[in-house]
Amino acid sequence: MTLRVEFEEICHNWGWFLTLGIILLILGAVSLGAVSVATVASVVLFGWILVVAGAFEVCTAFLAQQWSGVFLHLLVGVLNIVFGIMVIGNPLISAGVLTLLLAALFMTGGLFRFLAAVTVRYAAWGWAALDGVVGMVCGALIWSQWPTTALWVIGMFVGVTLLFRGWSWVMFALSARHIAHGMDMFGHGHPQRA
């Protein structure tokens, strides 16, 4: 019964999901149009998230003074605040460091996916191996063009992610709309067959 209520609620509010998708598509297009600005904005936002998270961590440590792990909790919070302030104060240097970390992540993750696919040879292992190779190549390309890539890689990734996320919400909303039109005016009935 609960699933049916949630399903009807989704179908009834499909317009909000469509709006969300369109906004994300616009933000993705803007990010891809100004990748350097999107990179700096993303890095600064990341820095502020660290500062806020660290502040909450410190406050929680003071509230739980009787806990044996309070010192470690306090230390992590302070480190988050310090690191966040450093990121906010030097967004271009931070973008460079984060870009190198992304390159290393792509290369090592791609290598492990490739080796796992070739070694285990599970169903459709060829696609997984190709995914690993693509990851390694992307990481190597980012690494080989560093520090130039620091100006655009993060912004491009954010833009592409926003575009795909927005498109998926648009398609979800249109599907919900299609299903909603298959119900009678009281929300009962069955979806129309295609």
N, C-alpha and C. Protein backbone atom coordinates (compact mmCIF):
# COMPACT_ATOMS: atom_id res chain seq x y z
N MET A 1 0.82 -1.20 0.00
CA MET A 1 0.00 0.00 0.00
C MET A 1 0.86 1.26 0.00
N THR A 2 1.95 1.22 0.80
CA THR A 2 2.84 2.38 0.87
C THR A 2 3.48 2.66 -0.47
N LEU A 3 3.91 1.62 -1.18
CA LEU A 3 4.53 1.81 -2.49
C LEU A 3 3.56 2.44 -3.47
N ARG A 4 2.29 2.05 -3.40
CA ARG A 4 1.30 2.61 -4.31
C ARG A 4 1.10 4.10 -4.05
N VAL A 5 1.05 4.48 -2.76
CA VAL A 5 0.90 5.89 -2.41
C VAL A 5 2.10 6.69 -2.91
N GLU A 6 3.30 6.16 -2.71
CA GLU A 6 4.50 6.84 -3.18
C GLU A 6 4.51 6.94 -4.71
N PHE A 7 4.10 5.87 -5.37
CA PHE A 7 4.05 5.85 -6.82
C PHE A 7 3.08 6.92 -7.34
N GLU A 8 1.90 7.01 -6.72
CA GLU A 8 0.91 8.02 -7.14
C GLU A 8 1.42 9.43 -6.85
N GLU A 9 2.15 9.59 -5.74
CA GLU A 9 2.70 10.91 -5.40
C GLU A 9 3.74 11.34 -6.44
N ILE A 10 4.58 10.40 -6.86
CA ILE A 10 5.58 10.69 -7.89
C ILE A 10 4.90 11.09 -9.19
N CYS A 11 3.88 10.32 -9.58
CA CYS A 11 3.18 10.62 -10.83
C CYS A 11 2.47 11.96 -10.76
N HIS A 12 1.93 12.28 -9.58
CA HIS A 12 1.21 13.55 -9.41
C HIS A 12 2.16 14.75 -9.49
N ASN A 13 3.40 14.59 -9.03
CA ASN A 13 4.36 15.70 -8.96
C ASN A 13 5.45 15.61 -10.02
N TRP A 14 5.15 15.02 -11.16
CA TRP A 14 6.15 14.85 -12.20
C TRP A 14 6.74 16.17 -12.67
N GLY A 15 5.98 17.25 -12.60
CA GLY A 15 6.45 18.56 -13.06
C GLY A 15 7.64 19.08 -12.26
N TRP A 16 7.66 18.77 -10.95
CA TRP A 16 8.79 19.19 -10.13
C TRP A 16 10.06 18.45 -10.51
N PHE A 17 9.91 17.16 -10.83
CA PHE A 17 11.08 16.40 -11.28
C PHE A 17 11.59 16.93 -12.62
N LEU A 18 10.65 17.31 -13.49
CA LEU A 18 11.04 17.89 -14.78
C LEU A 18 11.78 19.21 -14.57
N THR A 19 11.28 20.04 -13.65
CA THR A 19 11.93 21.32 -13.35
C THR A 19 13.35 21.09 -12.83
N LEU A 20 13.48 20.14 -11.91
CA LEU A 20 14.80 19.81 -11.39
C LEU A 20 15.74 19.39 -12.51
N GLY A 21 15.27 18.52 -13.40
CA GLY A 21 16.09 18.07 -14.51
C GLY A 21 16.53 19.20 -15.42
N ILE A 22 15.60 20.11 -15.72
CA ILE A 22 15.93 21.24 -16.60
C ILE A 22 16.96 22.16 -15.94
N ILE A 23 16.79 22.41 -14.63
CA ILE A 23 17.75 23.26 -13.91
C ILE A 23 19.14 22.62 -13.93
N LEU A 24 19.21 21.31 -13.70
CA LEU A 24 20.50 20.62 -13.73
C LEU A 24 21.12 20.64 -15.12
N LEU A 25 20.28 20.50 -16.16
CA LEU A 25 20.80 20.60 -17.53
C LEU A 25 21.39 21.98 -17.80
N ILE A 26 20.70 23.02 -17.34
CA ILE A 26 21.20 24.39 -17.53
C ILE A 26 22.51 24.58 -16.78
N LEU A 27 22.56 24.13 -15.52
CA LEU A 27 23.80 24.26 -14.74
C LEU A 27 24.94 23.47 -15.38
N GLY A 28 24.64 22.30 -15.92
CA GLY A 28 25.66 21.51 -16.60
C GLY A 28 26.19 22.22 -17.83
N ALA A 29 25.27 22.82 -18.61
CA ALA A 29 25.69 23.55 -19.82
C ALA A 29 26.53 24.76 -19.45
N VAL A 30 26.14 25.48 -18.39
CA VAL A 30 26.92 26.64 -17.93
C VAL A 30 28.30 26.19 -17.46
N SER A 31 28.35 25.06 -16.73
CA SER A 31 29.64 24.55 -16.25
C SER A 31 30.55 24.19 -17.41
N LEU A 32 30.00 23.55 -18.45
CA LEU A 32 30.82 23.19 -19.60
C LEU A 32 31.22 24.42 -20.41
N GLY A 33 30.40 25.47 -20.35
CA GLY A 33 30.72 26.71 -21.07
C GLY A 33 31.80 27.52 -20.37
N ALA A 34 31.96 27.31 -19.09
CA ALA A 34 32.97 28.05 -18.32
C ALA A 34 33.65 27.08 -17.35
N VAL A 35 34.41 26.13 -17.90
CA VAL A 35 34.98 25.07 -17.07
C VAL A 35 35.95 25.58 -16.02
N SER A 36 36.69 26.63 -16.32
CA SER A 36 37.63 27.17 -15.33
C SER A 36 36.88 27.76 -14.14
N VAL A 37 35.82 28.50 -14.42
CA VAL A 37 35.00 29.07 -13.34
C VAL A 37 34.34 27.96 -12.54
N ALA A 38 33.84 26.95 -13.24
CA ALA A 38 33.20 25.81 -12.56
C ALA A 38 34.21 25.06 -11.70
N THR A 39 35.45 24.95 -12.18
CA THR A 39 36.49 24.28 -11.39
C THR A 39 36.75 25.03 -10.10
N VAL A 40 36.97 26.33 -10.20
CA VAL A 40 37.26 27.14 -9.01
C VAL A 40 36.06 27.13 -8.06
N ALA A 41 34.85 27.27 -8.61
CA ALA A 41 33.65 27.28 -7.77
C ALA A 41 33.49 25.94 -7.05
N SER A 42 33.75 24.84 -7.74
CA SER A 42 33.63 23.52 -7.13
C SER A 42 34.65 23.33 -6.02
N VAL A 43 35.86 23.79 -6.25
CA VAL A 43 36.92 23.65 -5.24
C VAL A 43 36.60 24.51 -4.02
N VAL A 44 36.14 25.73 -4.23
CA VAL A 44 35.78 26.61 -3.11
C VAL A 44 34.60 26.01 -2.33
N LEU A 45 33.61 25.48 -3.04
CA LEU A 45 32.48 24.84 -2.37
C LEU A 45 32.96 23.64 -1.54
N PHE A 46 33.87 22.87 -2.09
CA PHE A 46 34.44 21.73 -1.37
C PHE A 46 35.14 22.22 -0.09
N GLY A 47 35.87 23.33 -0.20
CA GLY A 47 36.54 23.90 0.98
C GLY A 47 35.55 24.32 2.05
N TRP A 48 34.47 24.96 1.65
CA TRP A 48 33.45 25.38 2.63
C TRP A 48 32.76 24.18 3.27
N ILE A 49 32.55 23.13 2.49
CA ILE A 49 31.95 21.91 3.06
C ILE A 49 32.88 21.34 4.14
N LEU A 50 34.17 21.35 3.88
CA LEU A 50 35.13 20.87 4.87
C LEU A 50 35.10 21.73 6.14
N VAL A 51 35.04 23.05 5.96
CA VAL A 51 35.00 23.95 7.12
C VAL A 51 33.75 23.70 7.96
N VAL A 52 32.60 23.63 7.31
CA VAL A 52 31.34 23.42 8.04
C VAL A 52 31.35 22.05 8.73
N ALA A 53 31.78 21.02 8.00
CA ALA A 53 31.85 19.67 8.59
C ALA A 53 32.80 19.65 9.78
N GLY A 54 33.93 20.32 9.64
CA GLY A 54 34.89 20.39 10.75
C GLY A 54 34.33 21.11 11.95
N ALA A 55 33.59 22.19 11.71
CA ALA A 55 32.98 22.94 12.82
C ALA A 55 31.98 22.07 13.57
N PHE A 56 31.16 21.32 12.83
CA PHE A 56 30.22 20.41 13.48
C PHE A 56 30.96 19.32 14.26
N GLU A 57 32.06 18.85 13.71
CA GLU A 57 32.85 17.81 14.36
C GLU A 57 33.42 18.34 15.68
N VAL A 58 33.93 19.56 15.67
CA VAL A 58 34.48 20.16 16.89
C VAL A 58 33.37 20.37 17.93
N CYS A 59 32.22 20.87 17.49
CA CYS A 59 31.10 21.08 18.42
C CYS A 59 30.66 19.76 19.04
N THR A 60 30.58 18.72 18.21
CA THR A 60 30.19 17.40 18.70
C THR A 60 31.22 16.87 19.70
N ALA A 61 32.49 17.14 19.46
CA ALA A 61 33.53 16.69 20.38
C ALA A 61 33.38 17.35 21.74
N PHE A 62 33.04 18.65 21.76
CA PHE A 62 32.85 19.33 23.03
C PHE A 62 31.61 18.85 23.76
N LEU A 63 30.59 18.43 23.01
CA LEU A 63 29.36 17.93 23.63
C LEU A 63 29.54 16.53 24.20
N ALA A 64 30.49 15.77 23.66
CA ALA A 64 30.71 14.39 24.11
C ALA A 64 32.05 14.28 24.83
N GLN A 65 32.28 15.14 25.83
CA GLN A 65 33.57 15.19 26.51
C GLN A 65 33.90 13.92 27.28
N GLN A 66 32.91 13.15 27.69
CA GLN A 66 33.16 11.94 28.48
C GLN A 66 33.57 10.76 27.61
N TRP A 67 33.45 10.90 26.28
CA TRP A 67 33.77 9.82 25.36
C TRP A 67 35.29 9.67 25.26
N SER A 68 35.78 8.43 25.21
CA SER A 68 37.22 8.21 25.18
C SER A 68 37.86 8.67 23.86
N GLY A 69 37.07 8.73 22.77
CA GLY A 69 37.61 9.14 21.48
C GLY A 69 37.44 10.61 21.19
N VAL A 70 37.18 11.41 22.24
CA VAL A 70 36.90 12.83 22.02
C VAL A 70 38.10 13.57 21.43
N PHE A 71 39.32 13.21 21.85
CA PHE A 71 40.50 13.91 21.32
C PHE A 71 40.67 13.67 19.83
N LEU A 72 40.50 12.43 19.41
CA LEU A 72 40.60 12.10 17.99
C LEU A 72 39.51 12.80 17.19
N HIS A 73 38.31 12.81 17.75
CA HIS A 73 37.18 13.49 17.12
C HIS A 73 37.48 14.99 16.95
N LEU A 74 38.02 15.60 18.01
CA LEU A 74 38.37 17.01 17.98
C LEU A 74 39.48 17.28 16.97
N LEU A 75 40.47 16.40 16.93
CA LEU A 75 41.59 16.56 15.99
C LEU A 75 41.12 16.50 14.54
N VAL A 76 40.24 15.55 14.23
CA VAL A 76 39.71 15.43 12.86
C VAL A 76 38.94 16.69 12.49
N GLY A 77 38.14 17.20 13.42
CA GLY A 77 37.37 18.42 13.14
C GLY A 77 38.27 19.61 12.87
N VAL A 78 39.31 19.77 13.68
CA VAL A 78 40.24 20.89 13.49
C VAL A 78 40.98 20.75 12.17
N LEU A 79 41.41 19.52 11.84
CA LEU A 79 42.10 19.30 10.56
C LEU A 79 41.19 19.61 9.37
N ASN A 80 39.91 19.24 9.47
CA ASN A 80 38.97 19.58 8.40
C ASN A 80 38.85 21.09 8.23
N ILE A 81 38.76 21.80 9.34
CA ILE A 81 38.65 23.27 9.27
C ILE A 81 39.91 23.86 8.64
N VAL A 82 41.08 23.44 9.10
CA VAL A 82 42.34 23.98 8.57
C VAL A 82 42.47 23.66 7.09
N PHE A 83 42.21 22.41 6.73
CA PHE A 83 42.32 22.02 5.32
C PHE A 83 41.31 22.79 4.47
N GLY A 84 40.08 22.95 4.98
CA GLY A 84 39.05 23.71 4.25
C GLY A 84 39.47 25.15 4.02
N ILE A 85 40.06 25.78 5.04
CA ILE A 85 40.51 27.17 4.90
C ILE A 85 41.64 27.25 3.88
N MET A 86 42.54 26.27 3.88
CA MET A 86 43.62 26.25 2.89
C MET A 86 43.06 26.11 1.48
N VAL A 87 42.06 25.25 1.30
CA VAL A 87 41.45 25.06 -0.02
C VAL A 87 40.77 26.35 -0.48
N ILE A 88 40.03 26.99 0.41
CA ILE A 88 39.33 28.24 0.05
C ILE A 88 40.33 29.34 -0.28
N GLY A 89 41.43 29.40 0.48
CA GLY A 89 42.43 30.44 0.27
C GLY A 89 43.27 30.26 -0.98
N ASN A 90 43.40 29.02 -1.45
CA ASN A 90 44.22 28.73 -2.64
C ASN A 90 43.47 27.79 -3.58
N PRO A 91 42.39 28.26 -4.20
CA PRO A 91 41.58 27.33 -5.00
C PRO A 91 42.31 26.78 -6.23
N LEU A 92 43.20 27.54 -6.84
CA LEU A 92 43.89 27.04 -8.03
C LEU A 92 44.91 25.96 -7.67
N ILE A 93 45.66 26.19 -6.59
CA ILE A 93 46.60 25.17 -6.14
C ILE A 93 45.85 23.92 -5.71
N SER A 94 44.74 24.12 -4.99
CA SER A 94 43.91 23.00 -4.55
C SER A 94 43.35 22.22 -5.73
N ALA A 95 42.94 22.96 -6.78
CA ALA A 95 42.43 22.30 -7.99
C ALA A 95 43.53 21.45 -8.62
N GLY A 96 44.76 21.96 -8.59
CA GLY A 96 45.88 21.19 -9.14
C GLY A 96 46.11 19.90 -8.38
N VAL A 97 46.08 19.99 -7.06
CA VAL A 97 46.28 18.80 -6.23
C VAL A 97 45.13 17.81 -6.44
N LEU A 98 43.90 18.31 -6.44
CA LEU A 98 42.75 17.43 -6.64
C LEU A 98 42.77 16.78 -8.03
N THR A 99 43.26 17.52 -9.02
CA THR A 99 43.35 16.97 -10.38
C THR A 99 44.36 15.82 -10.42
N LEU A 100 45.49 16.00 -9.73
CA LEU A 100 46.46 14.90 -9.67
C LEU A 100 45.87 13.68 -8.96
N LEU A 101 45.11 13.93 -7.89
CA LEU A 101 44.46 12.82 -7.20
C LEU A 101 43.46 12.11 -8.10
N LEU A 102 42.71 12.90 -8.89
CA LEU A 102 41.77 12.29 -9.84
C LEU A 102 42.50 11.45 -10.88
N ALA A 103 43.60 11.96 -11.39
CA ALA A 103 44.37 11.21 -12.38
C ALA A 103 44.85 9.89 -11.79
N ALA A 104 45.37 9.94 -10.56
CA ALA A 104 45.84 8.72 -9.90
C ALA A 104 44.68 7.75 -9.66
N LEU A 105 43.53 8.29 -9.26
CA LEU A 105 42.36 7.46 -9.03
C LEU A 105 41.91 6.77 -10.31
N PHE A 106 41.86 7.51 -11.41
CA PHE A 106 41.47 6.93 -12.69
C PHE A 106 42.44 5.83 -13.11
N MET A 107 43.74 6.09 -12.98
CA MET A 107 44.73 5.11 -13.43
C MET A 107 44.70 3.85 -12.57
N THR A 108 44.71 4.02 -11.24
CA THR A 108 44.72 2.83 -10.38
C THR A 108 43.39 2.09 -10.43
N GLY A 109 42.28 2.83 -10.41
CA GLY A 109 40.97 2.18 -10.51
C GLY A 109 40.80 1.45 -11.83
N GLY A 110 41.25 2.08 -12.91
CA GLY A 110 41.18 1.44 -14.22
C GLY A 110 42.04 0.20 -14.30
N LEU A 111 43.23 0.28 -13.70
CA LEU A 111 44.13 -0.88 -13.70
C LEU A 111 43.50 -2.05 -12.95
N PHE A 112 42.93 -1.78 -11.77
CA PHE A 112 42.31 -2.84 -10.99
C PHE A 112 41.09 -3.43 -11.70
N ARG A 113 40.27 -2.58 -12.34
CA ARG A 113 39.11 -3.09 -13.08
C ARG A 113 39.56 -3.96 -14.24
N PHE A 114 40.60 -3.52 -14.94
CA PHE A 114 41.11 -4.30 -16.07
C PHE A 114 41.65 -5.65 -15.60
N LEU A 115 42.48 -5.63 -14.56
CA LEU A 115 43.07 -6.88 -14.07
C LEU A 115 42.01 -7.84 -13.53
N ALA A 116 41.03 -7.30 -12.82
CA ALA A 116 39.95 -8.15 -12.29
C ALA A 116 39.16 -8.78 -13.43
N ALA A 117 38.86 -7.99 -14.47
CA ALA A 117 38.07 -8.51 -15.59
C ALA A 117 38.85 -9.59 -16.35
N VAL A 118 40.13 -9.34 -16.60
CA VAL A 118 40.94 -10.30 -17.36
C VAL A 118 41.22 -11.56 -16.54
N THR A 119 41.39 -11.41 -15.25
CA THR A 119 41.70 -12.55 -14.39
C THR A 119 40.48 -13.43 -14.13
N VAL A 120 39.36 -12.81 -13.73
CA VAL A 120 38.17 -13.56 -13.34
C VAL A 120 37.34 -13.99 -14.55
N ARG A 121 37.30 -13.15 -15.57
CA ARG A 121 36.54 -13.41 -16.81
C ARG A 121 35.08 -13.77 -16.53
N TYR A 122 34.43 -12.93 -15.75
CA TYR A 122 33.01 -13.10 -15.47
C TYR A 122 32.19 -12.68 -16.69
N ALA A 123 30.87 -12.77 -16.59
CA ALA A 123 29.99 -12.44 -17.72
C ALA A 123 30.27 -11.02 -18.20
N ALA A 124 30.39 -10.86 -19.49
CA ALA A 124 30.66 -9.56 -20.14
C ALA A 124 31.95 -8.93 -19.62
N TRP A 125 32.95 -9.75 -19.36
CA TRP A 125 34.20 -9.24 -18.81
C TRP A 125 34.93 -8.32 -19.79
N GLY A 126 34.68 -8.47 -21.07
CA GLY A 126 35.33 -7.62 -22.06
C GLY A 126 34.96 -6.15 -21.88
N TRP A 127 33.70 -5.89 -21.55
CA TRP A 127 33.26 -4.51 -21.33
C TRP A 127 33.91 -3.93 -20.08
N ALA A 128 34.02 -4.75 -19.05
CA ALA A 128 34.68 -4.29 -17.82
C ALA A 128 36.16 -4.01 -18.08
N ALA A 129 36.79 -4.86 -18.90
CA ALA A 129 38.20 -4.64 -19.24
C ALA A 129 38.35 -3.34 -20.04
N LEU A 130 37.42 -3.11 -20.98
CA LEU A 130 37.45 -1.86 -21.75
C LEU A 130 37.24 -0.67 -20.83
N ASP A 131 36.32 -0.79 -19.87
CA ASP A 131 36.11 0.28 -18.90
C ASP A 131 37.39 0.59 -18.15
N GLY A 132 38.12 -0.45 -17.76
CA GLY A 132 39.39 -0.26 -17.08
C GLY A 132 40.42 0.44 -17.94
N VAL A 133 40.50 0.05 -19.21
CA VAL A 133 41.44 0.68 -20.14
C VAL A 133 41.10 2.16 -20.34
N VAL A 134 39.81 2.44 -20.50
CA VAL A 134 39.39 3.84 -20.67
C VAL A 134 39.76 4.66 -19.44
N GLY A 135 39.54 4.09 -18.24
CA GLY A 135 39.92 4.79 -17.02
C GLY A 135 41.41 5.07 -16.96
N MET A 136 42.22 4.07 -17.33
CA MET A 136 43.68 4.26 -17.31
C MET A 136 44.10 5.33 -18.32
N VAL A 137 43.51 5.29 -19.51
CA VAL A 137 43.85 6.28 -20.54
C VAL A 137 43.45 7.68 -20.08
N CYS A 138 42.25 7.82 -19.52
CA CYS A 138 41.81 9.14 -19.04
C CYS A 138 42.75 9.66 -17.95
N GLY A 139 43.11 8.79 -17.02
CA GLY A 139 44.04 9.20 -15.97
C GLY A 139 45.39 9.60 -16.52
N ALA A 140 45.89 8.83 -17.49
CA ALA A 140 47.19 9.14 -18.09
C ALA A 140 47.14 10.47 -18.85
N LEU A 141 46.04 10.72 -19.56
CA LEU A 141 45.91 11.99 -20.28
C LEU A 141 45.85 13.18 -19.32
N ILE A 142 45.10 13.03 -18.24
CA ILE A 142 45.03 14.11 -17.25
C ILE A 142 46.42 14.34 -16.65
N TRP A 143 47.11 13.27 -16.30
CA TRP A 143 48.43 13.36 -15.69
C TRP A 143 49.45 13.98 -16.65
N SER A 144 49.41 13.58 -17.91
CA SER A 144 50.41 14.04 -18.87
C SER A 144 50.27 15.53 -19.21
N GLN A 145 49.08 16.06 -19.06
CA GLN A 145 48.86 17.47 -19.39
C GLN A 145 48.83 18.37 -18.16
N TRP A 146 49.11 17.79 -16.98
CA TRP A 146 49.10 18.57 -15.75
C TRP A 146 50.25 19.56 -15.76
N PRO A 147 50.16 20.79 -15.35
CA PRO A 147 49.11 21.40 -14.54
C PRO A 147 48.00 22.08 -15.34
N THR A 148 48.11 22.06 -16.67
CA THR A 148 47.07 22.70 -17.50
C THR A 148 45.70 22.10 -17.23
N THR A 149 45.64 20.79 -17.02
CA THR A 149 44.36 20.13 -16.80
C THR A 149 43.69 20.58 -15.51
N ALA A 150 44.47 21.13 -14.57
CA ALA A 150 43.90 21.58 -13.31
C ALA A 150 42.87 22.69 -13.52
N LEU A 151 42.99 23.41 -14.63
CA LEU A 151 42.08 24.53 -14.89
C LEU A 151 40.73 24.09 -15.44
N TRP A 152 40.63 22.87 -15.98
CA TRP A 152 39.37 22.52 -16.62
C TRP A 152 38.82 21.14 -16.28
N VAL A 153 39.62 20.22 -15.76
CA VAL A 153 39.15 18.84 -15.56
C VAL A 153 37.98 18.78 -14.57
N ILE A 154 38.14 19.37 -13.40
CA ILE A 154 37.09 19.30 -12.39
C ILE A 154 35.82 19.96 -12.90
N GLY A 155 35.93 21.13 -13.52
CA GLY A 155 34.76 21.82 -14.06
C GLY A 155 34.07 21.02 -15.15
N MET A 156 34.87 20.35 -15.99
CA MET A 156 34.28 19.51 -17.04
C MET A 156 33.55 18.32 -16.43
N PHE A 157 34.17 17.68 -15.44
CA PHE A 157 33.51 16.53 -14.79
C PHE A 157 32.21 16.96 -14.13
N VAL A 158 32.23 18.11 -13.45
CA VAL A 158 31.01 18.62 -12.82
C VAL A 158 29.95 18.88 -13.87
N GLY A 159 30.34 19.52 -14.97
CA GLY A 159 29.38 19.83 -16.04
C GLY A 159 28.78 18.59 -16.66
N VAL A 160 29.61 17.61 -16.98
CA VAL A 160 29.12 16.37 -17.58
C VAL A 160 28.20 15.63 -16.61
N THR A 161 28.60 15.58 -15.34
CA THR A 161 27.77 14.92 -14.33
C THR A 161 26.41 15.60 -14.21
N LEU A 162 26.41 16.94 -14.18
CA LEU A 162 25.15 17.67 -14.09
C LEU A 162 24.27 17.44 -15.31
N LEU A 163 24.88 17.39 -16.50
CA LEU A 163 24.11 17.13 -17.71
C LEU A 163 23.44 15.76 -17.67
N PHE A 164 24.20 14.75 -17.33
CA PHE A 164 23.64 13.40 -17.29
C PHE A 164 22.60 13.26 -16.18
N ARG A 165 22.87 13.87 -15.01
CA ARG A 165 21.91 13.80 -13.91
C ARG A 165 20.63 14.54 -14.31
N GLY A 166 20.77 15.71 -14.93
CA GLY A 166 19.60 16.45 -15.37
C GLY A 166 18.79 15.69 -16.40
N TRP A 167 19.48 15.08 -17.36
CA TRP A 167 18.78 14.31 -18.40
C TRP A 167 18.03 13.13 -17.78
N SER A 168 18.66 12.47 -16.80
CA SER A 168 17.99 11.32 -16.17
C SER A 168 16.74 11.77 -15.41
N TRP A 169 16.78 12.95 -14.77
CA TRP A 169 15.58 13.46 -14.09
C TRP A 169 14.50 13.86 -15.09
N VAL A 170 14.89 14.43 -16.21
CA VAL A 170 13.91 14.79 -17.24
C VAL A 170 13.22 13.53 -17.75
N MET A 171 13.98 12.51 -18.04
CA MET A 171 13.38 11.26 -18.55
C MET A 171 12.51 10.60 -17.49
N PHE A 172 12.93 10.66 -16.23
CA PHE A 172 12.12 10.13 -15.13
C PHE A 172 10.79 10.87 -15.05
N ALA A 173 10.84 12.21 -15.14
CA ALA A 173 9.63 13.01 -15.06
C ALA A 173 8.69 12.72 -16.22
N LEU A 174 9.24 12.58 -17.43
CA LEU A 174 8.39 12.30 -18.58
C LEU A 174 7.76 10.91 -18.48
N SER A 175 8.49 9.96 -17.92
CA SER A 175 7.91 8.63 -17.69
C SER A 175 6.79 8.69 -16.67
N ALA A 176 7.01 9.44 -15.59
CA ALA A 176 5.98 9.60 -14.57
C ALA A 176 4.75 10.30 -15.15
N ARG A 177 4.98 11.28 -16.01
CA ARG A 177 3.86 11.98 -16.66
C ARG A 177 3.07 11.02 -17.54
N HIS A 178 3.79 10.20 -18.29
CA HIS A 178 3.14 9.22 -19.16
C HIS A 178 2.28 8.25 -18.34
N ILE A 179 2.81 7.79 -17.23
CA ILE A 179 2.07 6.88 -16.36
C ILE A 179 0.88 7.59 -15.74
N ALA A 180 1.07 8.85 -15.31
CA ALA A 180 -0.01 9.60 -14.67
C ALA A 180 -1.17 9.80 -15.63
N HIS A 181 -0.91 10.01 -16.91
CA HIS A 181 -1.98 10.19 -17.89
C HIS A 181 -2.72 8.88 -18.17
N GLY A 182 -2.13 7.75 -17.76
CA GLY A 182 -2.79 6.47 -17.93
C GLY A 182 -3.76 6.15 -16.81
N MET A 183 -3.79 6.99 -15.77
CA MET A 183 -4.70 6.77 -14.65
C MET A 183 -5.93 7.64 -14.81
N ASP A 184 -7.03 7.24 -14.18
CA ASP A 184 -8.23 8.09 -14.26
C ASP A 184 -8.05 9.31 -13.38
N MET A 185 -8.99 10.20 -13.40
CA MET A 185 -8.86 11.48 -12.71
C MET A 185 -8.79 11.34 -11.19
N PHE A 186 -9.12 10.18 -10.63
CA PHE A 186 -9.06 9.98 -9.20
C PHE A 186 -7.79 9.27 -8.77
N GLY A 187 -6.87 9.05 -9.72
CA GLY A 187 -5.60 8.40 -9.40
C GLY A 187 -5.70 6.89 -9.41
N HIS A 188 -6.81 6.36 -9.91
CA HIS A 188 -6.97 4.92 -9.97
C HIS A 188 -6.84 4.45 -11.40
N GLY A 189 -6.71 3.19 -11.54
CA GLY A 189 -6.62 2.64 -12.88
C GLY A 189 -5.24 2.13 -13.15
N HIS A 190 -5.05 1.72 -14.35
CA HIS A 190 -3.77 1.12 -14.72
C HIS A 190 -3.11 1.98 -15.79
N PRO A 191 -1.79 1.97 -15.81
CA PRO A 191 -1.08 2.71 -16.86
C PRO A 191 -1.47 2.23 -18.23
N GLN A 192 -1.50 3.15 -19.17
CA GLN A 192 -1.81 2.78 -20.54
C GLN A 192 -0.69 1.92 -21.11
N ARG A 193 -1.06 1.02 -21.95
CA ARG A 193 -0.03 0.23 -22.63
C ARG A 193 0.50 0.99 -23.81
N ALA A 194 1.80 0.87 -24.03
CA ALA A 194 2.42 1.60 -25.14
C ALA A 194 2.03 0.96 -26.46
